[in-house]
mmCIF file of all heavy atoms, coordinates in Angstrom:
data_MODEL
# 
_entry.id   MODEL 
# 
loop_
_atom_site.group_PDB 
_atom_site.id 
_atom_site.type_symbol 
_atom_site.label_atom_id 
_atom_site.label_alt_id 
_atom_site.label_comp_id 
_atom_site.label_asym_id 
_atom_site.label_entity_id 
_atom_site.label_seq_id 
_atom_site.pdbx_PDB_ins_code 
_atom_site.Cartn_x 
_atom_site.Cartn_y 
_atom_site.Cartn_z 
_atom_site.occupancy 
_atom_site.B_iso_or_equiv 
_atom_site.pdbx_formal_charge 
_atom_site.auth_seq_id 
_atom_site.auth_comp_id 
_atom_site.auth_asym_id 
_atom_site.auth_atom_id 
_atom_site.pdbx_PDB_model_num 
ATOM 1   N N   . SER A 1 1  ? 13.909  8.132   14.951  1.00 0.00 ? 1  SER A N   1 
ATOM 2   C CA  . SER A 1 1  ? 15.207  7.839   15.551  1.00 0.00 ? 1  SER A CA  1 
ATOM 3   C C   . SER A 1 1  ? 15.786  6.555   14.970  1.00 0.00 ? 1  SER A C   1 
ATOM 4   O O   . SER A 1 1  ? 15.055  5.638   14.590  1.00 0.00 ? 1  SER A O   1 
ATOM 5   C CB  . SER A 1 1  ? 15.069  7.704   17.068  1.00 0.00 ? 1  SER A CB  1 
ATOM 6   O OG  . SER A 1 1  ? 14.178  6.645   17.386  1.00 0.00 ? 1  SER A OG  1 
ATOM 7   N N   . GLY A 1 2  ? 17.104  6.514   14.912  1.00 0.00 ? 2  GLY A N   1 
ATOM 8   C CA  . GLY A 1 2  ? 17.761  5.328   14.382  1.00 0.00 ? 2  GLY A CA  1 
ATOM 9   C C   . GLY A 1 2  ? 17.834  5.273   12.881  1.00 0.00 ? 2  GLY A C   1 
ATOM 10  O O   . GLY A 1 2  ? 18.201  4.235   12.310  1.00 0.00 ? 2  GLY A O   1 
ATOM 11  N N   . GLY A 1 3  ? 17.482  6.375   12.225  1.00 0.00 ? 3  GLY A N   1 
ATOM 12  C CA  . GLY A 1 3  ? 17.591  6.414   10.765  1.00 0.00 ? 3  GLY A CA  1 
ATOM 13  C C   . GLY A 1 3  ? 16.387  5.903   10.020  1.00 0.00 ? 3  GLY A C   1 
ATOM 14  O O   . GLY A 1 3  ? 16.431  5.754   8.797   1.00 0.00 ? 3  GLY A O   1 
ATOM 15  N N   . GLY A 1 4  ? 15.291  5.624   10.715  1.00 0.00 ? 4  GLY A N   1 
ATOM 16  C CA  . GLY A 1 4  ? 14.090  5.138   10.040  1.00 0.00 ? 4  GLY A CA  1 
ATOM 17  C C   . GLY A 1 4  ? 13.179  6.269   9.592   1.00 0.00 ? 4  GLY A C   1 
ATOM 18  O O   . GLY A 1 4  ? 13.548  7.444   9.598   1.00 0.00 ? 4  GLY A O   1 
ATOM 19  N N   . PHE A 1 5  ? 11.969  5.920   9.222   1.00 0.00 ? 5  PHE A N   1 
ATOM 20  C CA  . PHE A 1 5  ? 10.995  6.920   8.788   1.00 0.00 ? 5  PHE A CA  1 
ATOM 21  C C   . PHE A 1 5  ? 9.591   6.372   9.003   1.00 0.00 ? 5  PHE A C   1 
ATOM 22  O O   . PHE A 1 5  ? 9.387   5.164   9.162   1.00 0.00 ? 5  PHE A O   1 
ATOM 23  C CB  . PHE A 1 5  ? 11.190  7.284   7.311   1.00 0.00 ? 5  PHE A CB  1 
ATOM 24  C CG  . PHE A 1 5  ? 10.928  6.142   6.365   1.00 0.00 ? 5  PHE A CG  1 
ATOM 25  C CD1 . PHE A 1 5  ? 9.642   5.876   5.897   1.00 0.00 ? 5  PHE A CD1 1 
ATOM 26  C CD2 . PHE A 1 5  ? 11.965  5.316   5.944   1.00 0.00 ? 5  PHE A CD2 1 
ATOM 27  C CE1 . PHE A 1 5  ? 9.392   4.808   5.050   1.00 0.00 ? 5  PHE A CE1 1 
ATOM 28  C CE2 . PHE A 1 5  ? 11.716  4.240   5.089   1.00 0.00 ? 5  PHE A CE2 1 
ATOM 29  C CZ  . PHE A 1 5  ? 10.434  3.991   4.647   1.00 0.00 ? 5  PHE A CZ  1 
ATOM 30  N N   . GLU A 1 6  ? 8.630   7.278   8.996   1.00 0.00 ? 6  GLU A N   1 
ATOM 31  C CA  . GLU A 1 6  ? 7.211   6.933   8.996   1.00 0.00 ? 6  GLU A CA  1 
ATOM 32  C C   . GLU A 1 6  ? 6.508   7.812   7.982   1.00 0.00 ? 6  GLU A C   1 
ATOM 33  O O   . GLU A 1 6  ? 6.949   8.925   7.701   1.00 0.00 ? 6  GLU A O   1 
ATOM 34  C CB  . GLU A 1 6  ? 6.595   7.163   10.386  1.00 0.00 ? 6  GLU A CB  1 
ATOM 35  C CG  . GLU A 1 6  ? 7.103   6.225   11.455  1.00 0.00 ? 6  GLU A CG  1 
ATOM 36  C CD  . GLU A 1 6  ? 6.451   6.505   12.804  1.00 0.00 ? 6  GLU A CD  1 
ATOM 37  O OE1 . GLU A 1 6  ? 5.796   7.566   12.938  1.00 0.00 ? 6  GLU A OE1 1 
ATOM 38  O OE2 . GLU A 1 6  ? 6.594   5.660   13.705  1.00 0.00 ? 6  GLU A OE2 1 
ATOM 39  N N   . ILE A 1 7  ? 5.428   7.309   7.412   1.00 0.00 ? 7  ILE A N   1 
ATOM 40  C CA  . ILE A 1 7  ? 4.623   8.126   6.520   1.00 0.00 ? 7  ILE A CA  1 
ATOM 41  C C   . ILE A 1 7  ? 3.347   8.541   7.252   1.00 0.00 ? 7  ILE A C   1 
ATOM 42  O O   . ILE A 1 7  ? 2.907   7.863   8.190   1.00 0.00 ? 7  ILE A O   1 
ATOM 43  C CB  . ILE A 1 7  ? 4.291   7.396   5.199   1.00 0.00 ? 7  ILE A CB  1 
ATOM 44  C CG1 . ILE A 1 7  ? 3.395   6.178   5.447   1.00 0.00 ? 7  ILE A CG1 1 
ATOM 45  C CG2 . ILE A 1 7  ? 5.565   6.991   4.480   1.00 0.00 ? 7  ILE A CG2 1 
ATOM 46  C CD1 . ILE A 1 7  ? 2.921   5.508   4.160   1.00 0.00 ? 7  ILE A CD1 1 
ATOM 47  N N   . ASP A 1 8  ? 2.781   9.664   6.834   1.00 0.00 ? 8  ASP A N   1 
ATOM 48  C CA  . ASP A 1 8  ? 1.507   10.102  7.407   1.00 0.00 ? 8  ASP A CA  1 
ATOM 49  C C   . ASP A 1 8  ? 0.403   9.245   6.801   1.00 0.00 ? 8  ASP A C   1 
ATOM 50  O O   . ASP A 1 8  ? 0.007   9.434   5.644   1.00 0.00 ? 8  ASP A O   1 
ATOM 51  C CB  . ASP A 1 8  ? 1.276   11.587  7.104   1.00 0.00 ? 8  ASP A CB  1 
ATOM 52  C CG  . ASP A 1 8  ? 0.066   12.138  7.842   1.00 0.00 ? 8  ASP A CG  1 
ATOM 53  O OD1 . ASP A 1 8  ? -0.866  11.367  8.137   1.00 0.00 ? 8  ASP A OD1 1 
ATOM 54  O OD2 . ASP A 1 8  ? 0.038   13.357  8.100   1.00 0.00 ? 8  ASP A OD2 1 
ATOM 55  N N   . LEU A 1 9  ? -0.091  8.304   7.570   1.00 0.00 ? 9  LEU A N   1 
ATOM 56  C CA  . LEU A 1 9  ? -1.027  7.309   7.058   1.00 0.00 ? 9  LEU A CA  1 
ATOM 57  C C   . LEU A 1 9  ? -2.392  7.880   6.715   1.00 0.00 ? 9  LEU A C   1 
ATOM 58  O O   . LEU A 1 9  ? -3.181  7.230   6.031   1.00 0.00 ? 9  LEU A O   1 
ATOM 59  C CB  . LEU A 1 9  ? -1.181  6.176   8.070   1.00 0.00 ? 9  LEU A CB  1 
ATOM 60  C CG  . LEU A 1 9  ? 0.090   5.348   8.321   1.00 0.00 ? 9  LEU A CG  1 
ATOM 61  C CD1 . LEU A 1 9  ? -0.113  4.407   9.487   1.00 0.00 ? 9  LEU A CD1 1 
ATOM 62  C CD2 . LEU A 1 9  ? 0.480   4.573   7.064   1.00 0.00 ? 9  LEU A CD2 1 
ATOM 63  N N   . SER A 1 10 ? -2.670  9.107   7.160   1.00 0.00 ? 10 SER A N   1 
ATOM 64  C CA  . SER A 1 10 ? -3.971  9.694   6.845   1.00 0.00 ? 10 SER A CA  1 
ATOM 65  C C   . SER A 1 10 ? -4.113  9.993   5.352   1.00 0.00 ? 10 SER A C   1 
ATOM 66  O O   . SER A 1 10 ? -5.227  10.186  4.857   1.00 0.00 ? 10 SER A O   1 
ATOM 67  C CB  . SER A 1 10 ? -4.185  10.973  7.648   1.00 0.00 ? 10 SER A CB  1 
ATOM 68  O OG  . SER A 1 10 ? -3.240  11.974  7.298   1.00 0.00 ? 10 SER A OG  1 
ATOM 69  N N   . TYR A 1 11 ? -3.005  10.007  4.621   1.00 0.00 ? 11 TYR A N   1 
ATOM 70  C CA  . TYR A 1 11 ? -3.050  10.273  3.184   1.00 0.00 ? 11 TYR A CA  1 
ATOM 71  C C   . TYR A 1 11 ? -3.177  8.984   2.362   1.00 0.00 ? 11 TYR A C   1 
ATOM 72  O O   . TYR A 1 11 ? -3.275  9.053   1.135   1.00 0.00 ? 11 TYR A O   1 
ATOM 73  C CB  . TYR A 1 11 ? -1.785  11.008  2.747   1.00 0.00 ? 11 TYR A CB  1 
ATOM 74  C CG  . TYR A 1 11 ? -1.703  12.433  3.250   1.00 0.00 ? 11 TYR A CG  1 
ATOM 75  C CD1 . TYR A 1 11 ? -0.967  12.752  4.392   1.00 0.00 ? 11 TYR A CD1 1 
ATOM 76  C CD2 . TYR A 1 11 ? -2.370  13.468  2.597   1.00 0.00 ? 11 TYR A CD2 1 
ATOM 77  C CE1 . TYR A 1 11 ? -0.894  14.047  4.867   1.00 0.00 ? 11 TYR A CE1 1 
ATOM 78  C CE2 . TYR A 1 11 ? -2.301  14.778  3.064   1.00 0.00 ? 11 TYR A CE2 1 
ATOM 79  C CZ  . TYR A 1 11 ? -1.570  15.055  4.191   1.00 0.00 ? 11 TYR A CZ  1 
ATOM 80  O OH  . TYR A 1 11 ? -1.499  16.350  4.657   1.00 0.00 ? 11 TYR A OH  1 
ATOM 81  N N   . PHE A 1 12 ? -3.168  7.816   3.027   1.00 0.00 ? 12 PHE A N   1 
ATOM 82  C CA  . PHE A 1 12 ? -3.141  6.545   2.301   1.00 0.00 ? 12 PHE A CA  1 
ATOM 83  C C   . PHE A 1 12 ? -4.155  5.573   2.907   1.00 0.00 ? 12 PHE A C   1 
ATOM 84  O O   . PHE A 1 12 ? -4.482  5.638   4.086   1.00 0.00 ? 12 PHE A O   1 
ATOM 85  C CB  . PHE A 1 12 ? -1.732  5.952   2.336   1.00 0.00 ? 12 PHE A CB  1 
ATOM 86  C CG  . PHE A 1 12 ? -0.693  6.892   1.773   1.00 0.00 ? 12 PHE A CG  1 
ATOM 87  C CD1 . PHE A 1 12 ? 0.056   7.696   2.614   1.00 0.00 ? 12 PHE A CD1 1 
ATOM 88  C CD2 . PHE A 1 12 ? -0.516  6.984   0.405   1.00 0.00 ? 12 PHE A CD2 1 
ATOM 89  C CE1 . PHE A 1 12 ? 0.994   8.582   2.099   1.00 0.00 ? 12 PHE A CE1 1 
ATOM 90  C CE2 . PHE A 1 12 ? 0.414   7.865   -0.117  1.00 0.00 ? 12 PHE A CE2 1 
ATOM 91  C CZ  . PHE A 1 12 ? 1.173   8.675   0.738   1.00 0.00 ? 12 PHE A CZ  1 
ATOM 92  N N   . ARG A 1 13 ? -4.634  4.628   2.079   1.00 0.00 ? 13 ARG A N   1 
ATOM 93  C CA  . ARG A 1 13 ? -5.718  3.739   2.481   1.00 0.00 ? 13 ARG A CA  1 
ATOM 94  C C   . ARG A 1 13 ? -5.292  2.271   2.592   1.00 0.00 ? 13 ARG A C   1 
ATOM 95  O O   . ARG A 1 13 ? -6.099  1.426   2.979   1.00 0.00 ? 13 ARG A O   1 
ATOM 96  C CB  . ARG A 1 13 ? -6.867  3.863   1.478   1.00 0.00 ? 13 ARG A CB  1 
ATOM 97  C CG  . ARG A 1 13 ? -6.530  3.384   0.079   1.00 0.00 ? 13 ARG A CG  1 
ATOM 98  C CD  . ARG A 1 13 ? -7.748  3.417   -0.859  1.00 0.00 ? 13 ARG A CD  1 
ATOM 99  N NE  . ARG A 1 13 ? -8.041  4.747   -1.348  1.00 0.00 ? 13 ARG A NE  1 
ATOM 100 C CZ  . ARG A 1 13 ? -9.182  5.402   -1.094  1.00 0.00 ? 13 ARG A CZ  1 
ATOM 101 N NH1 . ARG A 1 13 ? -10.104 4.846   -0.350  1.00 0.00 ? 13 ARG A NH1 1 
ATOM 102 N NH2 . ARG A 1 13 ? -9.379  6.606   -1.578  1.00 0.00 ? 13 ARG A NH2 1 
ATOM 103 N N   . HIS A 1 14 ? -4.068  1.928   2.255   1.00 0.00 ? 14 HIS A N   1 
ATOM 104 C CA  . HIS A 1 14 ? -3.667  0.533   2.140   1.00 0.00 ? 14 HIS A CA  1 
ATOM 105 C C   . HIS A 1 14 ? -3.710  -0.231  3.463   1.00 0.00 ? 14 HIS A C   1 
ATOM 106 O O   . HIS A 1 14 ? -3.904  -1.439  3.478   1.00 0.00 ? 14 HIS A O   1 
ATOM 107 C CB  . HIS A 1 14 ? -2.239  0.457   1.579   1.00 0.00 ? 14 HIS A CB  1 
ATOM 108 C CG  . HIS A 1 14 ? -1.205  1.066   2.476   1.00 0.00 ? 14 HIS A CG  1 
ATOM 109 N ND1 . HIS A 1 14 ? -1.118  2.425   2.675   1.00 0.00 ? 14 HIS A ND1 1 
ATOM 110 C CD2 . HIS A 1 14 ? -0.225  0.509   3.254   1.00 0.00 ? 14 HIS A CD2 1 
ATOM 111 C CE1 . HIS A 1 14 ? -0.117  2.683   3.517   1.00 0.00 ? 14 HIS A CE1 1 
ATOM 112 N NE2 . HIS A 1 14 ? 0.424   1.547   3.879   1.00 0.00 ? 14 HIS A NE2 1 
ATOM 113 N N   . HIS A 1 15 ? -3.537  0.463   4.578   1.00 0.00 ? 15 HIS A N   1 
ATOM 114 C CA  . HIS A 1 15 ? -3.402  -0.193  5.874   1.00 0.00 ? 15 HIS A CA  1 
ATOM 115 C C   . HIS A 1 15 ? -4.735  -0.459  6.567   1.00 0.00 ? 15 HIS A C   1 
ATOM 116 O O   . HIS A 1 15 ? -4.796  -1.239  7.527   1.00 0.00 ? 15 HIS A O   1 
ATOM 117 C CB  . HIS A 1 15 ? -2.520  0.649   6.792   1.00 0.00 ? 15 HIS A CB  1 
ATOM 118 C CG  . HIS A 1 15 ? -3.061  2.037   6.994   1.00 0.00 ? 15 HIS A CG  1 
ATOM 119 N ND1 . HIS A 1 15 ? -3.165  2.943   5.965   1.00 0.00 ? 15 HIS A ND1 1 
ATOM 120 C CD2 . HIS A 1 15 ? -3.532  2.664   8.103   1.00 0.00 ? 15 HIS A CD2 1 
ATOM 121 C CE1 . HIS A 1 15 ? -3.670  4.073   6.433   1.00 0.00 ? 15 HIS A CE1 1 
ATOM 122 N NE2 . HIS A 1 15 ? -3.908  3.927   7.723   1.00 0.00 ? 15 HIS A NE2 1 
ATOM 123 N N   . THR A 1 16 ? -5.802  0.187   6.128   1.00 0.00 ? 16 THR A N   1 
ATOM 124 C CA  . THR A 1 16 ? -7.114  -0.004  6.761   1.00 0.00 ? 16 THR A CA  1 
ATOM 125 C C   . THR A 1 16 ? -8.147  -0.537  5.779   1.00 0.00 ? 16 THR A C   1 
ATOM 126 O O   . THR A 1 16 ? -8.787  -1.567  6.023   1.00 0.00 ? 16 THR A O   1 
ATOM 127 C CB  . THR A 1 16 ? -7.616  1.318   7.355   1.00 0.00 ? 16 THR A CB  1 
ATOM 128 O OG1 . THR A 1 16 ? -7.594  2.336   6.339   1.00 0.00 ? 16 THR A OG1 1 
ATOM 129 C CG2 . THR A 1 16 ? -6.745  1.746   8.527   1.00 0.00 ? 16 THR A CG2 1 
ATOM 130 N N   . GLU A 1 17 ? -8.311  0.160   4.666   1.00 0.00 ? 17 GLU A N   1 
ATOM 131 C CA  . GLU A 1 17 ? -9.321  -0.245  3.682   1.00 0.00 ? 17 GLU A CA  1 
ATOM 132 C C   . GLU A 1 17 ? -8.818  -1.354  2.767   1.00 0.00 ? 17 GLU A C   1 
ATOM 133 O O   . GLU A 1 17 ? -9.589  -2.143  2.238   1.00 0.00 ? 17 GLU A O   1 
ATOM 134 C CB  . GLU A 1 17 ? -9.728  0.961   2.830   1.00 0.00 ? 17 GLU A CB  1 
ATOM 135 C CG  . GLU A 1 17 ? -10.315 2.118   3.620   1.00 0.00 ? 17 GLU A CG  1 
ATOM 136 C CD  . GLU A 1 17 ? -10.613 3.293   2.720   1.00 0.00 ? 17 GLU A CD  1 
ATOM 137 O OE1 . GLU A 1 17 ? -11.020 3.075   1.559   1.00 0.00 ? 17 GLU A OE1 1 
ATOM 138 O OE2 . GLU A 1 17 ? -10.432 4.439   3.161   1.00 0.00 ? 17 GLU A OE2 1 
ATOM 139 N N   . GLY A 1 18 ? -7.487  -1.380  2.556   1.00 0.00 ? 18 GLY A N   1 
ATOM 140 C CA  . GLY A 1 18 ? -6.932  -2.313  1.591   1.00 0.00 ? 18 GLY A CA  1 
ATOM 141 C C   . GLY A 1 18 ? -6.999  -1.743  0.193   1.00 0.00 ? 18 GLY A C   1 
ATOM 142 O O   . GLY A 1 18 ? -7.627  -0.721  -0.068  1.00 0.00 ? 18 GLY A O   1 
ATOM 143 N N   . VAL A 1 19 ? -6.327  -2.397  -0.744  1.00 0.00 ? 19 VAL A N   1 
ATOM 144 C CA  . VAL A 1 19 ? -6.263  -1.952  -2.134  1.00 0.00 ? 19 VAL A CA  1 
ATOM 145 C C   . VAL A 1 19 ? -6.554  -3.149  -3.024  1.00 0.00 ? 19 VAL A C   1 
ATOM 146 O O   . VAL A 1 19 ? -5.971  -4.224  -2.841  1.00 0.00 ? 19 VAL A O   1 
ATOM 147 C CB  . VAL A 1 19 ? -4.865  -1.378  -2.457  1.00 0.00 ? 19 VAL A CB  1 
ATOM 148 C CG1 . VAL A 1 19 ? -4.798  -0.937  -3.907  1.00 0.00 ? 19 VAL A CG1 1 
ATOM 149 C CG2 . VAL A 1 19 ? -4.536  -0.210  -1.522  1.00 0.00 ? 19 VAL A CG2 1 
ATOM 150 N N   . SER A 1 20 ? -7.460  -2.991  -3.982  1.00 0.00 ? 20 SER A N   1 
ATOM 151 C CA  . SER A 1 20 ? -7.766  -4.092  -4.896  1.00 0.00 ? 20 SER A CA  1 
ATOM 152 C C   . SER A 1 20 ? -6.559  -4.375  -5.774  1.00 0.00 ? 20 SER A C   1 
ATOM 153 O O   . SER A 1 20 ? -5.968  -3.477  -6.354  1.00 0.00 ? 20 SER A O   1 
ATOM 154 C CB  . SER A 1 20 ? -8.976  -3.729  -5.767  1.00 0.00 ? 20 SER A CB  1 
ATOM 155 O OG  . SER A 1 20 ? -8.719  -2.572  -6.539  1.00 0.00 ? 20 SER A OG  1 
ATOM 156 N N   . MET A 1 21 ? -6.171  -5.659  -5.841  1.00 0.00 ? 21 MET A N   1 
ATOM 157 C CA  . MET A 1 21 ? -4.994  -6.053  -6.617  1.00 0.00 ? 21 MET A CA  1 
ATOM 158 C C   . MET A 1 21 ? -5.249  -7.368  -7.329  1.00 0.00 ? 21 MET A C   1 
ATOM 159 O O   . MET A 1 21 ? -5.968  -8.222  -6.820  1.00 0.00 ? 21 MET A O   1 
ATOM 160 C CB  . MET A 1 21 ? -3.773  -6.204  -5.698  1.00 0.00 ? 21 MET A CB  1 
ATOM 161 C CG  . MET A 1 21 ? -3.311  -4.942  -5.019  1.00 0.00 ? 21 MET A CG  1 
ATOM 162 S SD  . MET A 1 21 ? -1.848  -5.209  -3.980  1.00 0.00 ? 21 MET A SD  1 
ATOM 163 C CE  . MET A 1 21 ? -2.595  -6.152  -2.628  1.00 0.00 ? 21 MET A CE  1 
ATOM 164 N N   . THR A 1 22 ? -4.657  -7.532  -8.507  1.00 0.00 ? 22 THR A N   1 
ATOM 165 C CA  . THR A 1 22 ? -4.655  -8.824  -9.185  1.00 0.00 ? 22 THR A CA  1 
ATOM 166 C C   . THR A 1 22 ? -3.208  -9.176  -9.508  1.00 0.00 ? 22 THR A C   1 
ATOM 167 O O   . THR A 1 22 ? -2.489  -8.383  -10.116 1.00 0.00 ? 22 THR A O   1 
ATOM 168 C CB  . THR A 1 22 ? -5.479  -8.793  -10.485 1.00 0.00 ? 22 THR A CB  1 
ATOM 169 O OG1 . THR A 1 22 ? -4.955  -7.774  -11.368 1.00 0.00 ? 22 THR A OG1 1 
ATOM 170 C CG2 . THR A 1 22 ? -6.931  -8.484  -10.196 1.00 0.00 ? 22 THR A CG2 1 
ATOM 171 N N   . TRP A 1 23 ? -2.796  -10.361 -9.084  1.00 0.00 ? 23 TRP A N   1 
ATOM 172 C CA  . TRP A 1 23 ? -1.410  -10.784 -9.270  1.00 0.00 ? 23 TRP A CA  1 
ATOM 173 C C   . TRP A 1 23 ? -1.319  -12.139 -9.958  1.00 0.00 ? 23 TRP A C   1 
ATOM 174 O O   . TRP A 1 23 ? -0.356  -12.863 -9.760  1.00 0.00 ? 23 TRP A O   1 
ATOM 175 C CB  . TRP A 1 23 ? -0.709  -10.878 -7.911  1.00 0.00 ? 23 TRP A CB  1 
ATOM 176 C CG  . TRP A 1 23 ? -0.610  -9.601  -7.152  1.00 0.00 ? 23 TRP A CG  1 
ATOM 177 C CD1 . TRP A 1 23 ? -1.261  -9.288  -5.999  1.00 0.00 ? 23 TRP A CD1 1 
ATOM 178 C CD2 . TRP A 1 23 ? 0.181   -8.450  -7.472  1.00 0.00 ? 23 TRP A CD2 1 
ATOM 179 N NE1 . TRP A 1 23 ? -0.921  -8.020  -5.590  1.00 0.00 ? 23 TRP A NE1 1 
ATOM 180 C CE2 . TRP A 1 23 ? -0.028  -7.482  -6.464  1.00 0.00 ? 23 TRP A CE2 1 
ATOM 181 C CE3 . TRP A 1 23 ? 1.057   -8.139  -8.523  1.00 0.00 ? 23 TRP A CE3 1 
ATOM 182 C CZ2 . TRP A 1 23 ? 0.598   -6.239  -6.470  1.00 0.00 ? 23 TRP A CZ2 1 
ATOM 183 C CZ3 . TRP A 1 23 ? 1.679   -6.897  -8.537  1.00 0.00 ? 23 TRP A CZ3 1 
ATOM 184 C CH2 . TRP A 1 23 ? 1.451   -5.970  -7.521  1.00 0.00 ? 23 TRP A CH2 1 
ATOM 185 N N   . ASP A 1 24 ? -2.285  -12.497 -10.750 1.00 0.00 ? 24 ASP A N   1 
ATOM 186 C CA  . ASP A 1 24 ? -2.261  -13.846 -11.312 1.00 0.00 ? 24 ASP A CA  1 
ATOM 187 C C   . ASP A 1 24 ? -2.815  -13.847 -12.729 1.00 0.00 ? 24 ASP A C   1 
ATOM 188 O O   . ASP A 1 24 ? -3.933  -13.392 -12.972 1.00 0.00 ? 24 ASP A O   1 
ATOM 189 C CB  . ASP A 1 24 ? -3.092  -14.796 -10.434 1.00 0.00 ? 24 ASP A CB  1 
ATOM 190 C CG  . ASP A 1 24 ? -2.868  -16.253 -10.793 1.00 0.00 ? 24 ASP A CG  1 
ATOM 191 O OD1 . ASP A 1 24 ? -1.906  -16.536 -11.545 1.00 0.00 ? 24 ASP A OD1 1 
ATOM 192 O OD2 . ASP A 1 24 ? -3.637  -17.110 -10.332 1.00 0.00 ? 24 ASP A OD2 1 
ATOM 193 N N   . GLY A 1 25 ? -2.019  -14.325 -13.662 1.00 0.00 ? 25 GLY A N   1 
ATOM 194 C CA  . GLY A 1 25 ? -2.501  -14.607 -15.000 1.00 0.00 ? 25 GLY A CA  1 
ATOM 195 C C   . GLY A 1 25 ? -2.688  -13.416 -15.909 1.00 0.00 ? 25 GLY A C   1 
ATOM 196 O O   . GLY A 1 25 ? -3.669  -13.359 -16.654 1.00 0.00 ? 25 GLY A O   1 
ATOM 197 N N   . GLY A 1 26 ? -1.786  -12.456 -15.909 1.00 0.00 ? 26 GLY A N   1 
ATOM 198 C CA  . GLY A 1 26 ? -1.902  -11.337 -16.841 1.00 0.00 ? 26 GLY A CA  1 
ATOM 199 C C   . GLY A 1 26 ? -1.278  -10.074 -16.295 1.00 0.00 ? 26 GLY A C   1 
ATOM 200 O O   . GLY A 1 26 ? -0.437  -10.101 -15.397 1.00 0.00 ? 26 GLY A O   1 
ATOM 201 N N   . GLU A 1 27 ? -1.725  -8.947  -16.839 1.00 0.00 ? 27 GLU A N   1 
ATOM 202 C CA  . GLU A 1 27 ? -1.194  -7.662  -16.393 1.00 0.00 ? 27 GLU A CA  1 
ATOM 203 C C   . GLU A 1 27 ? -1.642  -7.380  -14.961 1.00 0.00 ? 27 GLU A C   1 
ATOM 204 O O   . GLU A 1 27 ? -2.832  -7.486  -14.639 1.00 0.00 ? 27 GLU A O   1 
ATOM 205 C CB  . GLU A 1 27 ? -1.696  -6.539  -17.308 1.00 0.00 ? 27 GLU A CB  1 
ATOM 206 C CG  . GLU A 1 27 ? -1.194  -5.157  -16.910 1.00 0.00 ? 27 GLU A CG  1 
ATOM 207 C CD  . GLU A 1 27 ? -1.762  -4.064  -17.795 1.00 0.00 ? 27 GLU A CD  1 
ATOM 208 O OE1 . GLU A 1 27 ? -2.652  -4.368  -18.617 1.00 0.00 ? 27 GLU A OE1 1 
ATOM 209 O OE2 . GLU A 1 27 ? -1.327  -2.913  -17.660 1.00 0.00 ? 27 GLU A OE2 1 
ATOM 210 N N   . PRO A 1 28 ? -0.712  -7.034  -14.068 1.00 0.00 ? 28 PRO A N   1 
ATOM 211 C CA  . PRO A 1 28 ? -1.126  -6.730  -12.699 1.00 0.00 ? 28 PRO A CA  1 
ATOM 212 C C   . PRO A 1 28 ? -1.912  -5.429  -12.637 1.00 0.00 ? 28 PRO A C   1 
ATOM 213 O O   . PRO A 1 28 ? -1.653  -4.493  -13.391 1.00 0.00 ? 28 PRO A O   1 
ATOM 214 C CB  . PRO A 1 28 ? 0.203   -6.598  -11.949 1.00 0.00 ? 28 PRO A CB  1 
ATOM 215 C CG  . PRO A 1 28 ? 1.204   -6.253  -12.998 1.00 0.00 ? 28 PRO A CG  1 
ATOM 216 C CD  . PRO A 1 28 ? 0.737   -6.910  -14.254 1.00 0.00 ? 28 PRO A CD  1 
ATOM 217 N N   . THR A 1 29 ? -2.896  -5.387  -11.770 1.00 0.00 ? 29 THR A N   1 
ATOM 218 C CA  . THR A 1 29 ? -3.681  -4.168  -11.578 1.00 0.00 ? 29 THR A CA  1 
ATOM 219 C C   . THR A 1 29 ? -3.702  -3.820  -10.095 1.00 0.00 ? 29 THR A C   1 
ATOM 220 O O   . THR A 1 29 ? -3.582  -4.691  -9.241  1.00 0.00 ? 29 THR A O   1 
ATOM 221 C CB  . THR A 1 29 ? -5.123  -4.327  -12.085 1.00 0.00 ? 29 THR A CB  1 
ATOM 222 O OG1 . THR A 1 29 ? -5.781  -5.359  -11.324 1.00 0.00 ? 29 THR A OG1 1 
ATOM 223 C CG2 . THR A 1 29 ? -5.148  -4.695  -13.554 1.00 0.00 ? 29 THR A CG2 1 
ATOM 224 N N   . MET A 1 30 ? -3.879  -2.541  -9.820  1.00 0.00 ? 30 MET A N   1 
ATOM 225 C CA  . MET A 1 30 ? -3.891  -2.083  -8.442  1.00 0.00 ? 30 MET A CA  1 
ATOM 226 C C   . MET A 1 30 ? -4.787  -0.867  -8.323  1.00 0.00 ? 30 MET A C   1 
ATOM 227 O O   . MET A 1 30 ? -4.699  0.058   -9.135  1.00 0.00 ? 30 MET A O   1 
ATOM 228 C CB  . MET A 1 30 ? -2.467  -1.742  -7.989  1.00 0.00 ? 30 MET A CB  1 
ATOM 229 C CG  . MET A 1 30 ? -2.352  -1.339  -6.530  1.00 0.00 ? 30 MET A CG  1 
ATOM 230 S SD  . MET A 1 30 ? -0.624  -1.067  -6.042  1.00 0.00 ? 30 MET A SD  1 
ATOM 231 C CE  . MET A 1 30 ? 0.005   -2.726  -6.183  1.00 0.00 ? 30 MET A CE  1 
# 
C-alpha cells in the first residue's frame, strides 16, 4: 500500500547471513 514494495526475502541472504564485501583500495568485490 502507498506505492511501495517488498521482496521475498527467502530468496536472498543479505539481511541475515550478510554478504562478503570489499570497499577499500581496489576493485570492489561482493
